[in-house]
Amino acid sequence: MISTPGVYIPLGSDGYELCHPVDPADFERIDVLINGTTRQANWKPIQMQMIREDEGKKLLPSDSPWLGSNALIFRSSVLDVLGALLQQYGEVLPLSCPGVDLWIYNPTNVIDALDESSSSVLRFDNGRIMMIERYAFRPNIIAENEIFKIPSLRVSPTFVSHRFVERWKKSGLTGLEFKKVWTAQKF
Protein backbone atom coordinates (compact mmCIF):
# COMPACT_ATOMS: atom_id res chain seq x y z
CA MET A 1 0.00 0.00 0.00
CA ILE A 2 1.46 3.30 -1.12
CA SER A 3 1.16 6.23 1.26
CA THR A 4 0.14 9.54 -0.25
CA PRO A 5 2.28 12.62 0.36
CA GLY A 6 1.52 14.32 3.62
CA VAL A 7 2.24 14.29 7.34
CA TYR A 8 1.37 11.36 9.60
CA ILE A 9 1.26 10.64 13.33
CA PRO A 10 2.29 7.13 14.45
CA LEU A 11 -0.30 5.21 16.49
CA GLY A 12 -0.02 1.88 18.28
CA SER A 13 -1.51 -1.03 16.36
CA ASP A 14 -4.44 -2.67 18.13
CA GLY A 15 -3.56 -6.01 19.72
CA TYR A 16 0.21 -5.41 19.95
CA GLU A 17 2.50 -5.12 23.00
CA LEU A 18 2.65 -2.01 25.12
CA CYS A 19 5.55 -0.58 27.12
CA HIS A 20 5.01 1.55 30.22
CA PRO A 21 7.23 3.00 32.93
CA VAL A 22 7.45 0.94 36.12
CA ASP A 23 6.98 4.14 38.15
CA PRO A 24 3.77 5.95 37.06
CA ALA A 25 5.48 9.30 37.74
CA ASP A 26 7.79 8.53 34.82
CA PHE A 27 4.94 9.09 32.34
CA GLU A 28 5.23 12.81 33.09
CA ARG A 29 9.03 12.58 33.21
CA ILE A 30 9.00 11.14 29.69
CA ASP A 31 6.69 13.95 28.51
CA VAL A 32 9.18 16.48 29.87
CA LEU A 33 12.38 14.77 28.67
CA ILE A 34 11.33 13.66 25.18
CA ASN A 35 10.77 17.18 23.92
CA GLY A 36 13.43 17.65 21.25
CA THR A 37 16.21 18.82 23.58
CA THR A 38 19.31 16.65 23.23
CA ARG A 39 19.57 14.31 26.24
CA GLN A 40 22.30 11.84 25.21
CA ALA A 41 25.08 13.25 27.42
CA ASN A 42 23.17 13.00 30.72
CA TRP A 43 20.63 10.28 29.94
CA LYS A 44 19.79 7.77 32.65
CA PRO A 45 17.69 4.84 31.37
CA ILE A 46 14.11 4.85 32.67
CA GLN A 47 12.81 1.59 34.18
CA MET A 48 10.15 0.17 31.85
CA GLN A 49 7.94 -2.90 31.74
CA MET A 50 6.48 -4.77 28.81
CA ILE A 51 2.73 -5.30 28.80
CA ARG A 52 2.10 -8.52 26.92
CA GLU A 53 -1.49 -9.16 27.99
CA ASP A 54 -4.51 -6.87 28.09
CA GLU A 55 -7.80 -7.86 29.71
CA GLY A 56 -6.81 -11.53 29.54
CA LYS A 57 -5.85 -11.36 25.86
CA LYS A 58 -2.27 -12.07 24.79
CA LEU A 59 -0.79 -9.18 22.82
CA LEU A 60 1.28 -9.71 19.67
CA PRO A 61 5.03 -8.98 19.68
CA SER A 62 5.81 -5.47 18.44
CA ASP A 63 8.88 -3.83 16.95
CA SER A 64 7.56 -0.65 18.56
CA PRO A 65 5.84 -1.48 21.87
CA TRP A 66 3.36 1.34 22.35
CA LEU A 67 3.75 4.16 24.84
CA GLY A 68 2.59 7.25 22.92
CA SER A 69 3.07 9.24 19.71
CA ASN A 70 5.24 11.73 21.58
CA ALA A 71 7.70 9.05 22.75
CA LEU A 72 8.14 6.11 20.40
CA ILE A 73 9.71 2.95 21.82
CA PHE A 74 11.79 0.75 19.51
CA ARG A 75 13.36 -2.69 19.62
CA SER A 76 16.71 -3.31 17.93
CA SER A 77 14.87 -4.61 14.83
CA VAL A 78 13.79 -1.01 14.12
CA LEU A 79 17.30 0.34 14.67
CA ASP A 80 18.70 -2.29 12.29
CA VAL A 81 16.41 -1.08 9.51
CA LEU A 82 15.80 2.61 10.24
CA GLY A 83 18.61 3.54 12.65
CA ALA A 84 20.45 5.89 10.29
CA LEU A 85 17.25 7.77 9.45
CA LEU A 86 16.23 8.00 13.11
CA GLN A 87 19.69 9.34 14.07
CA GLN A 88 19.45 11.96 11.32
CA TYR A 89 16.40 13.51 12.96
CA GLY A 90 16.90 12.72 16.64
CA GLU A 91 18.51 10.48 19.21
CA VAL A 92 17.86 6.93 20.32
CA LEU A 93 18.13 6.62 24.11
CA PRO A 94 18.38 3.29 25.98
CA LEU A 95 15.70 2.15 28.39
CA SER A 96 15.96 -0.39 31.20
CA CYS A 97 13.56 -3.30 30.72
CA PRO A 98 14.19 -6.85 31.99
CA GLY A 99 14.98 -9.26 29.16
CA VAL A 100 14.37 -6.76 26.33
CA ASP A 101 16.63 -4.24 24.63
CA LEU A 102 14.50 -1.13 24.15
CA TRP A 103 15.15 2.46 23.16
CA ILE A 104 13.04 5.60 23.32
CA TYR A 105 13.19 8.00 20.39
CA ASN A 106 13.71 11.71 21.05
CA PRO A 107 13.22 13.65 17.79
CA THR A 108 15.55 16.64 18.06
CA ASN A 109 14.29 18.08 14.78
CA VAL A 110 11.84 20.60 16.27
CA ILE A 111 10.63 22.90 13.52
CA ASP A 112 8.15 25.76 13.44
CA ALA A 113 6.15 24.14 10.65
CA LEU A 114 2.59 24.53 11.94
CA ASP A 115 0.49 26.98 9.93
CA GLU A 116 -1.58 28.19 12.88
CA SER A 117 -3.86 30.40 10.80
CA SER A 118 -4.90 27.46 8.60
CA SER A 119 -5.05 24.93 11.46
CA SER A 120 -7.96 24.50 13.84
CA VAL A 121 -6.61 25.02 17.36
CA LEU A 122 -8.02 25.28 20.86
CA ARG A 123 -6.18 27.63 23.19
CA PHE A 124 -5.75 28.11 26.90
CA ASP A 125 -6.80 31.49 28.37
CA ASN A 126 -3.17 32.64 28.16
CA GLY A 127 -3.14 32.03 24.38
CA ARG A 128 -0.96 28.93 24.41
CA ILE A 129 -2.19 26.07 22.21
CA MET A 130 -4.06 23.42 24.20
CA MET A 131 -4.97 21.11 21.33
CA ILE A 132 -4.86 20.99 17.56
CA GLU A 133 -8.08 19.64 16.05
CA ARG A 134 -6.97 20.00 12.42
CA TYR A 135 -3.36 20.37 11.35
CA ALA A 136 -2.04 22.53 8.55
CA PHE A 137 1.68 22.75 7.86
CA ARG A 138 3.90 25.06 5.82
CA PRO A 139 4.98 22.85 2.90
CA ASN A 140 8.25 24.71 2.31
CA ILE A 141 9.35 23.98 5.89
CA ILE A 142 8.44 20.29 6.07
CA ALA A 143 9.32 19.32 2.48
CA GLU A 144 12.54 17.45 3.29
CA ASN A 145 11.88 16.68 6.95
CA GLU A 146 11.03 13.01 7.45
CA ILE A 147 10.64 13.16 11.25
CA PHE A 148 9.90 16.20 13.39
CA LYS A 149 8.13 17.73 16.36
CA ILE A 150 6.63 21.21 16.64
CA PRO A 151 7.35 23.75 19.40
CA SER A 152 3.72 24.93 19.59
CA LEU A 153 2.66 22.09 21.93
CA ARG A 154 4.08 21.27 25.36
CA VAL A 155 3.95 17.58 24.42
CA SER A 156 4.24 17.35 20.66
CA PRO A 157 3.48 14.13 18.86
CA THR A 158 6.17 12.78 16.58
CA PHE A 159 5.28 13.67 12.99
CA VAL A 160 6.57 11.58 10.09
CA SER A 161 6.48 11.96 6.32
CA HIS A 162 4.92 9.58 3.83
CA ARG A 163 8.48 8.49 2.97
CA PHE A 164 8.99 7.29 6.56
CA VAL A 165 5.64 5.48 6.48
CA GLU A 166 6.65 3.70 3.26
CA ARG A 167 10.01 2.63 4.72
CA TRP A 168 8.28 1.26 7.84
CA LYS A 169 5.73 -0.70 5.81
CA LYS A 170 8.22 -2.06 3.27
CA SER A 171 10.53 -3.27 6.04
CA GLY A 172 7.82 -5.49 7.54
CA LEU A 173 8.12 -3.86 10.97
CA THR A 174 5.11 -4.26 13.27
CA GLY A 175 3.32 -2.39 16.01
CA LEU A 176 2.67 0.99 14.40
CA GLU A 177 -0.07 2.37 12.21
CA PHE A 178 0.01 5.84 10.75
CA LYS A 179 -2.78 8.42 10.77
CA LYS A 180 -2.57 11.05 8.06
CA VAL A 181 -3.12 14.46 9.66
CA TRP A 182 -2.34 16.68 6.69
CA THR A 183 -2.20 16.34 2.93
CA ALA A 184 0.23 18.45 0.97
CA GLN A 185 -0.90 20.09 -2.24
CA LYS A 186 2.68 19.86 -3.52
CA PHE A 187 5.50 18.09 -1.76
Foldseek 3Di string as FASTA:
>chain_A
DADAWAKKFKDFDPQAKAKAFPDNVVLVVCLQPLALDDDVVPDDATEMEIDQDDPNRGGHYAQWHHDALLKTKGAVLCCVQCVVVLVVQFDWAWHDYPPGTMTIGRGNAADQFWPVVPWAFDADPVRQTPDTPATDTDCVGCVPPAWYFYPSDSRTGIMGTSVVVVSCVVSVGDTIDIDGRTHDPDD
